[in-house]
Amino acid sequence: MLAKSRINGDVVISGILALICLYVFIGGFEYRLNSRMLPQVIAFATFFACVGNLFRLLRVRPSIPSAKPTEATVDGSIGKTGGEKKPASLMTFLSSGHVQISLLAVMYIVLFQPLGFVLCTLSVLGGVPYILKSRRHVVIWSLAVTATLFFYYVFKLVFFVQLPQGLLTFM
């Protein structure tokens, strides 16, 4: 049985994201290879990544004794130095990088058809580095544009798969 402290925000987000990805994969399943298959492939891969993350987070680890020194307290008892861990608030939870990247992945899947491949992929490839606290704007956006156009033209010219154009109907 799992200890209560093993269930944290990462476990909850991984579980929710795995269920959403499984729903997207099964709900839109088709037996043809076409542009609607790309979100399903992404959902399928993300599902297995979430399940692997859940196994990693929930596996039983041997307890390692704390290496922190102890000190005598005012009443003479021996206690650990340092304060107790404060419970995380909702804002702390929502501001963590794991949660923001998970929400970005869900938004990618949901907005893929209406906005199109180019806009969604640009927003993800441009947004993830900012979530991870990278601020090299020229590098981020040049790589995001290059990778997006590369994948778009590979799917279009090599695989002959028409990706959703969304708002950019001229592509």
Protein backbone atom coordinates (compact mmCIF):
# COMPACT_ATOMS: atom_id res chain seq x y z
CA MET A 1 0.00 0.00 0.00
CA LEU A 2 1.21 3.48 -0.81
CA ALA A 3 2.00 5.94 1.92
CA LYS A 4 0.00 9.15 1.83
CA SER A 5 3.15 11.22 1.29
CA ARG A 6 3.85 9.39 -2.01
CA ILE A 7 0.83 10.97 -3.67
CA ASN A 8 1.93 14.47 -4.67
CA GLY A 9 1.27 16.96 -7.44
CA ASP A 10 3.49 15.18 -9.97
CA VAL A 11 1.61 11.92 -9.47
CA VAL A 12 -1.79 13.61 -9.80
CA ILE A 13 -0.82 15.54 -12.94
CA SER A 14 0.77 12.48 -14.56
CA GLY A 15 -2.34 10.43 -13.85
CA ILE A 16 -4.73 13.07 -15.18
CA LEU A 17 -2.62 13.67 -18.28
CA ALA A 18 -2.38 9.91 -18.92
CA LEU A 19 -6.18 9.61 -18.77
CA ILE A 20 -6.67 12.60 -21.09
CA CYS A 21 -4.16 11.19 -23.58
CA LEU A 22 -5.80 7.79 -23.48
CA TYR A 23 -9.20 9.42 -24.10
CA VAL A 24 -7.84 11.44 -27.06
CA PHE A 25 -6.19 8.35 -28.53
CA ILE A 26 -9.19 6.05 -28.19
CA GLY A 27 -11.84 8.69 -28.88
CA GLY A 28 -10.45 9.69 -32.25
CA PHE A 29 -9.14 6.34 -33.38
CA GLU A 30 -9.26 5.76 -37.12
CA TYR A 31 -7.72 2.97 -39.15
CA ARG A 32 -6.50 5.33 -41.90
CA LEU A 33 -3.23 7.21 -42.03
CA ASN A 34 -4.08 10.90 -42.38
CA SER A 35 -3.41 14.23 -40.71
CA ARG A 36 -5.84 13.52 -37.88
CA MET A 37 -3.54 10.71 -36.78
CA LEU A 38 -0.77 13.07 -35.57
CA PRO A 39 -2.56 14.19 -32.36
CA GLN A 40 -3.34 10.53 -31.67
CA VAL A 41 0.32 9.57 -32.07
CA ILE A 42 1.32 12.41 -29.76
CA ALA A 43 -1.36 11.37 -27.26
CA PHE A 44 -0.18 7.75 -27.44
CA ALA A 45 3.46 8.71 -26.82
CA THR A 46 2.52 11.12 -24.03
CA PHE A 47 0.36 8.44 -22.41
CA PHE A 48 3.32 6.05 -22.18
CA ALA A 49 5.58 8.84 -20.94
CA CYS A 50 3.05 9.61 -18.17
CA VAL A 51 2.71 5.96 -17.21
CA GLY A 52 6.50 5.65 -17.06
CA ASN A 53 6.63 8.79 -14.93
CA LEU A 54 3.97 7.33 -12.60
CA PHE A 55 6.01 4.15 -12.15
CA ARG A 56 9.12 6.22 -11.45
CA LEU A 57 7.32 8.40 -8.92
CA LEU A 58 5.53 5.58 -7.12
CA ARG A 59 8.26 2.96 -6.93
CA VAL A 60 9.38 2.07 -3.44
CA ARG A 61 12.73 3.55 -2.63
CA PRO A 62 14.81 2.44 0.33
CA SER A 63 14.80 5.04 3.04
CA ILE A 64 18.12 6.74 3.51
CA PRO A 65 18.77 8.28 6.90
CA SER A 66 19.09 12.03 6.85
CA ALA A 67 22.63 13.33 6.81
CA LYS A 68 21.60 16.56 8.52
CA PRO A 69 23.27 17.22 11.83
CA THR A 70 21.21 17.26 14.97
CA GLU A 71 21.33 19.81 17.71
CA ALA A 72 20.04 20.08 21.22
CA THR A 73 16.82 22.05 21.57
CA VAL A 74 15.91 24.37 24.40
CA ASP A 75 14.31 21.61 26.43
CA GLY A 76 17.38 19.38 26.07
CA SER A 77 15.92 16.95 23.54
CA ILE A 78 17.76 16.23 20.32
CA GLY A 79 16.08 17.39 17.13
CA LYS A 80 16.90 17.95 13.48
CA THR A 81 18.06 21.34 12.35
CA GLY A 82 15.98 23.21 9.82
CA GLY A 83 12.30 23.95 9.68
CA GLU A 84 9.41 21.75 8.81
CA LYS A 85 8.26 21.58 5.22
CA LYS A 86 5.37 23.96 4.56
CA PRO A 87 2.33 22.64 2.72
CA ALA A 88 2.22 23.79 -0.88
CA SER A 89 -0.50 26.18 -1.92
CA LEU A 90 -2.53 25.96 -5.12
CA MET A 91 -0.54 28.81 -6.69
CA THR A 92 2.75 27.06 -5.90
CA PHE A 93 1.37 23.89 -7.48
CA LEU A 94 0.17 25.69 -10.62
CA SER A 95 3.44 27.57 -11.02
CA SER A 96 5.57 24.42 -11.13
CA GLY A 97 7.15 23.62 -14.48
CA HIS A 98 5.68 20.10 -14.61
CA VAL A 99 2.13 21.40 -14.34
CA GLN A 100 2.66 24.18 -16.89
CA ILE A 101 4.22 21.85 -19.45
CA SER A 102 1.42 19.31 -18.90
CA LEU A 103 -1.20 22.01 -19.45
CA LEU A 104 0.65 23.16 -22.57
CA ALA A 105 0.59 19.59 -23.92
CA VAL A 106 -3.15 19.32 -23.29
CA MET A 107 -3.73 22.67 -24.99
CA TYR A 108 -1.66 21.46 -27.97
CA ILE A 109 -3.86 18.41 -28.37
CA VAL A 110 -7.12 20.35 -27.96
CA LEU A 111 -6.19 23.30 -30.21
CA PHE A 112 -4.39 21.29 -32.90
CA GLN A 113 -7.33 21.19 -35.33
CA PRO A 114 -8.70 24.74 -34.85
CA LEU A 115 -5.34 26.58 -34.86
CA GLY A 116 -3.39 24.22 -37.08
CA PHE A 117 -0.04 22.47 -36.88
CA VAL A 118 2.16 25.51 -37.46
CA LEU A 119 0.67 27.79 -34.78
CA CYS A 120 0.32 25.04 -32.17
CA THR A 121 3.82 23.69 -32.70
CA LEU A 122 5.34 27.18 -32.67
CA SER A 123 3.60 27.94 -29.38
CA VAL A 124 4.80 24.69 -27.77
CA LEU A 125 8.37 24.87 -29.06
CA GLY A 126 8.52 28.54 -28.08
CA GLY A 127 6.71 28.14 -24.76
CA VAL A 128 8.53 25.21 -23.16
CA PRO A 129 11.93 26.96 -22.92
CA TYR A 130 10.29 29.92 -21.18
CA ILE A 131 8.63 27.57 -18.69
CA LEU A 132 12.06 26.05 -18.08
CA LYS A 133 13.43 29.56 -17.38
CA SER A 134 15.46 29.96 -20.56
CA ARG A 135 15.60 33.56 -21.80
CA ARG A 136 17.65 33.32 -24.99
CA HIS A 137 14.91 34.77 -27.20
CA VAL A 138 16.72 34.67 -30.56
CA VAL A 139 17.81 31.06 -30.12
CA ILE A 140 14.41 29.91 -28.84
CA TRP A 141 12.36 31.42 -31.63
CA SER A 142 14.80 30.66 -34.45
CA LEU A 143 14.86 26.99 -33.42
CA ALA A 144 11.08 26.93 -32.95
CA VAL A 145 10.43 28.37 -36.43
CA THR A 146 13.06 26.17 -38.08
CA ALA A 147 11.84 22.96 -36.43
CA THR A 148 8.18 23.75 -37.11
CA LEU A 149 8.75 24.46 -40.80
CA PHE A 150 11.04 21.43 -41.12
CA PHE A 151 8.43 19.05 -39.68
CA TYR A 152 5.63 20.68 -41.66
CA TYR A 153 7.43 20.23 -44.98
CA VAL A 154 8.63 16.71 -44.13
CA PHE A 155 5.05 15.63 -43.46
CA LYS A 156 3.79 17.46 -46.53
CA LEU A 157 6.46 16.58 -49.11
CA VAL A 158 7.91 13.27 -47.86
CA PHE A 159 4.99 11.55 -46.12
CA PHE A 160 2.27 13.24 -48.23
CA VAL A 161 0.25 13.91 -45.09
CA GLN A 162 -1.74 17.12 -45.10
CA LEU A 163 -1.48 18.62 -41.61
CA PRO A 164 -4.26 20.89 -40.36
CA GLN A 165 -3.75 24.45 -41.58
CA GLY A 166 -6.02 26.08 -39.03
CA LEU A 167 -5.88 29.85 -39.26
CA LEU A 168 -3.01 29.84 -41.77
CA THR A 169 -4.89 28.79 -44.89
CA PHE A 170 -2.14 29.99 -47.26
CA MET A 171 0.28 27.16 -46.36
